[in-house]
Amino acid sequence: MGTFKTVLETGTDMLRSFDGTEPQVADSAYVDEAAVVIGDVIIEDEASVWPNVTLRGDHGTIVVGEGANVQDNAVLHETAELEPYSTVGHSAIVHDATVAERALVGMNAVVLDGARVGEGAVIAAGSVVTEDAEVPPSTLVAGAPAEPKTEIDDSGLEATADRYVELSRKHAETSQRLDY
């Protein structure tokens, strides 16, 4: 892992300490200024956190692994871990759960306490992965509760997080606040 920024070094309200613990953000990570990152949160190299995301590390550690991305309006709380190059889609919730490397949590999906999403697995949009569930690697699950639908072998899925690494670099280089 690379070097990390602290709350005081960023000079922004988006990163907040909680009970004496500050978020750690790798220098190469992208955190949008409209995101909120509180307390015991680690954002690793080339990870990205998009607008209106909430990472609330007030009851356990949240880790956003290398190259992982958390898309607009998503929420991570309690002890949540996103392993390298995983994706959490728009408005999804990961609560006290683990999302393995190159796995994808679809838009508006919910992954509940103690669940583990296997490597390269896909949680379909709007699905609910129940407490303590184990989603097998390279499997598409869907529904509420989420159930296996098919095995997947999708090289395009591997590219999802890579595209977000590139997109975050472009945002970091070109986005500007406009004052009217």
Protein backbone atom coordinates (compact mmCIF):
# COMPACT_ATOMS: atom_id res chain seq x y z
CA MET A 1 0.00 0.00 0.00
CA GLY A 2 1.04 3.56 -0.65
CA THR A 3 1.02 6.57 1.62
CA PHE A 4 -2.17 7.84 3.23
CA LYS A 5 -3.72 11.26 3.75
CA THR A 6 -5.25 12.16 7.10
CA VAL A 7 -8.28 14.30 7.86
CA LEU A 8 -6.17 17.30 8.73
CA GLU A 9 -4.13 17.04 5.52
CA THR A 10 -7.16 17.08 3.23
CA GLY A 11 -8.71 20.27 4.59
CA THR A 12 -12.20 19.05 3.70
CA ASP A 13 -15.43 18.27 5.53
CA MET A 14 -15.95 15.02 3.64
CA LEU A 15 -13.49 13.19 5.91
CA ARG A 16 -14.39 13.19 9.59
CA SER A 17 -12.82 11.65 12.65
CA PHE A 18 -14.95 9.71 15.10
CA ASP A 19 -14.02 8.96 18.70
CA GLY A 20 -10.38 9.78 17.95
CA THR A 21 -10.10 7.64 14.81
CA GLU A 22 -9.47 9.29 11.45
CA PRO A 23 -10.09 7.81 7.99
CA GLN A 24 -6.98 6.83 6.06
CA VAL A 25 -7.04 7.59 2.35
CA ALA A 26 -4.23 6.50 0.01
CA ASP A 27 -2.70 9.31 -1.99
CA SER A 28 -3.72 7.61 -5.25
CA ALA A 29 -7.35 7.05 -4.16
CA TYR A 30 -10.21 9.24 -5.38
CA VAL A 31 -12.84 10.40 -2.89
CA ASP A 32 -15.43 12.75 -4.35
CA GLU A 33 -15.97 15.88 -2.27
CA ALA A 34 -19.69 15.05 -1.99
CA ALA A 35 -18.93 11.72 -0.25
CA VAL A 36 -18.87 11.37 3.55
CA VAL A 37 -16.18 9.21 5.14
CA ILE A 38 -16.32 8.93 8.94
CA GLY A 39 -14.04 7.25 11.48
CA ASP A 40 -12.38 3.87 11.05
CA VAL A 41 -12.20 3.73 7.26
CA ILE A 42 -9.26 2.69 5.08
CA ILE A 43 -9.34 3.57 1.38
CA GLU A 44 -6.47 1.87 -0.42
CA ASP A 45 -4.50 2.72 -3.58
CA GLU A 46 -6.51 3.59 -6.69
CA ALA A 47 -9.84 2.94 -4.96
CA SER A 48 -12.67 5.34 -5.72
CA VAL A 49 -15.58 6.68 -3.68
CA TRP A 50 -18.18 8.58 -5.70
CA PRO A 51 -20.73 11.36 -4.96
CA ASN A 52 -23.09 10.95 -2.01
CA VAL A 53 -21.50 7.73 -0.77
CA THR A 54 -21.47 7.23 3.00
CA LEU A 55 -18.72 5.16 4.61
CA ARG A 56 -19.51 5.27 8.33
CA GLY A 57 -16.78 3.58 10.34
CA ASP A 58 -18.20 4.17 13.80
CA HIS A 59 -18.82 0.52 14.67
CA GLY A 60 -16.07 -1.52 13.03
CA THR A 61 -13.50 -0.99 10.30
CA ILE A 62 -14.47 -0.35 6.70
CA VAL A 63 -11.85 -1.25 4.08
CA VAL A 64 -12.15 -0.21 0.44
CA GLY A 65 -9.43 -2.33 -1.17
CA GLU A 66 -7.02 -1.43 -3.92
CA GLY A 67 -8.84 -0.44 -7.10
CA ALA A 68 -12.29 -1.08 -5.58
CA ASN A 69 -15.07 1.39 -6.32
CA VAL A 70 -18.12 2.49 -4.36
CA GLN A 71 -20.58 4.20 -6.68
CA ASP A 72 -22.99 7.10 -6.14
CA ASN A 73 -25.34 6.94 -3.11
CA ALA A 74 -24.02 3.62 -1.77
CA VAL A 75 -23.62 3.00 1.98
CA LEU A 76 -21.07 0.88 3.84
CA HIS A 77 -21.42 0.49 7.62
CA GLU A 78 -20.11 -1.68 10.45
CA THR A 79 -17.20 -4.00 9.59
CA ALA A 80 -17.39 -3.97 5.80
CA GLU A 81 -14.59 -5.07 3.49
CA LEU A 82 -14.32 -4.59 -0.24
CA GLU A 83 -11.44 -6.67 -1.51
CA PRO A 84 -9.32 -5.44 -4.45
CA TYR A 85 -11.11 -4.40 -7.64
CA SER A 86 -14.59 -5.11 -6.34
CA THR A 87 -17.53 -2.88 -7.27
CA VAL A 88 -20.47 -1.64 -5.21
CA GLY A 89 -23.10 -0.22 -7.57
CA HIS A 90 -25.25 2.89 -7.24
CA SER A 91 -27.41 3.04 -4.08
CA ALA A 92 -26.31 -0.41 -2.84
CA ILE A 93 -25.76 -1.20 0.85
CA VAL A 94 -23.01 -3.38 2.31
CA HIS A 95 -23.56 -3.82 6.05
CA ASP A 96 -21.02 -5.80 8.12
CA ALA A 97 -20.14 -8.01 5.14
CA THR A 98 -17.29 -8.90 2.76
CA VAL A 99 -17.23 -8.48 -1.01
CA ALA A 100 -14.37 -10.51 -2.51
CA GLU A 101 -11.98 -9.54 -5.27
CA ARG A 102 -13.56 -8.60 -8.62
CA ALA A 103 -17.09 -9.22 -7.29
CA LEU A 104 -19.92 -6.83 -8.16
CA VAL A 105 -22.83 -5.72 -5.98
CA GLY A 106 -25.50 -4.41 -8.34
CA MET A 107 -27.47 -1.19 -8.07
CA ASN A 108 -29.86 -1.02 -5.10
CA ALA A 109 -28.72 -4.43 -3.85
CA VAL A 110 -28.27 -5.10 -0.12
CA VAL A 111 -25.62 -7.34 1.43
CA LEU A 112 -26.39 -7.99 5.11
CA ASP A 113 -24.43 -8.83 8.26
CA GLY A 114 -21.95 -11.68 8.07
CA ALA A 115 -22.49 -12.34 4.37
CA ARG A 116 -19.58 -13.06 2.05
CA VAL A 117 -19.77 -12.45 -1.68
CA GLY A 118 -17.29 -14.77 -3.43
CA GLU A 119 -14.59 -13.76 -5.90
CA GLY A 120 -16.00 -12.72 -9.26
CA ALA A 121 -19.61 -13.15 -8.11
CA VAL A 122 -22.41 -10.80 -9.17
CA ILE A 123 -25.32 -9.69 -6.99
CA ALA A 124 -28.11 -8.67 -9.36
CA ALA A 125 -29.63 -5.20 -9.05
CA GLY A 126 -32.21 -4.96 -6.28
CA SER A 127 -31.28 -8.29 -4.69
CA VAL A 128 -30.92 -8.98 -0.97
CA VAL A 129 -28.09 -11.19 0.29
CA THR A 130 -29.29 -12.30 3.71
CA GLU A 131 -27.31 -12.51 6.95
CA ASP A 132 -24.43 -14.99 7.01
CA ALA A 133 -25.06 -16.03 3.38
CA GLU A 134 -22.14 -17.33 1.30
CA VAL A 135 -22.33 -16.37 -2.37
CA PRO A 136 -20.13 -18.82 -4.32
CA PRO A 137 -17.34 -17.44 -6.52
CA SER A 138 -18.22 -16.68 -10.15
CA THR A 139 -21.96 -17.00 -9.52
CA LEU A 140 -24.82 -14.68 -10.38
CA VAL A 141 -27.38 -14.45 -7.56
CA ALA A 142 -30.69 -12.60 -7.76
CA GLY A 143 -33.87 -12.05 -5.79
CA ALA A 144 -34.93 -11.36 -2.22
CA PRO A 145 -33.52 -13.43 -0.72
CA ALA A 146 -30.79 -13.79 -3.35
CA GLU A 147 -30.47 -17.27 -4.83
CA PRO A 148 -27.94 -18.66 -7.33
CA LYS A 149 -29.10 -18.34 -10.95
CA THR A 150 -26.05 -19.33 -13.00
CA GLU A 151 -22.30 -19.61 -13.00
CA ILE A 152 -20.58 -16.78 -14.81
CA ASP A 153 -17.36 -16.48 -16.73
CA ASP A 154 -17.32 -12.86 -17.79
CA SER A 155 -14.02 -11.26 -18.69
CA GLY A 156 -15.93 -7.97 -19.08
CA LEU A 157 -16.72 -8.10 -15.37
CA GLU A 158 -13.00 -7.99 -14.62
CA ALA A 159 -12.77 -4.75 -16.60
CA THR A 160 -15.46 -2.97 -14.53
CA ALA A 161 -13.17 -1.95 -11.68
CA ASP A 162 -10.33 -1.19 -14.10
CA ARG A 163 -12.60 1.28 -15.94
CA TYR A 164 -13.41 2.97 -12.63
CA VAL A 165 -9.71 3.33 -11.79
CA GLU A 166 -9.25 5.18 -15.09
CA LEU A 167 -12.43 7.23 -14.61
CA SER A 168 -11.36 8.28 -11.12
CA ARG A 169 -8.00 9.47 -12.48
CA LYS A 170 -9.80 11.58 -15.07
CA HIS A 171 -12.12 13.06 -12.41
CA ALA A 172 -9.16 13.84 -10.15
CA GLU A 173 -7.41 15.64 -13.01
CA THR A 174 -10.29 17.50 -14.64
CA SER A 175 -13.22 18.03 -12.23
CA GLN A 176 -13.62 21.58 -10.98
CA ARG A 177 -16.04 23.19 -8.59
CA LEU A 178 -18.02 25.87 -10.40
CA ASP A 179 -18.97 28.96 -8.44
CA TYR A 180 -21.78 31.06 -9.88
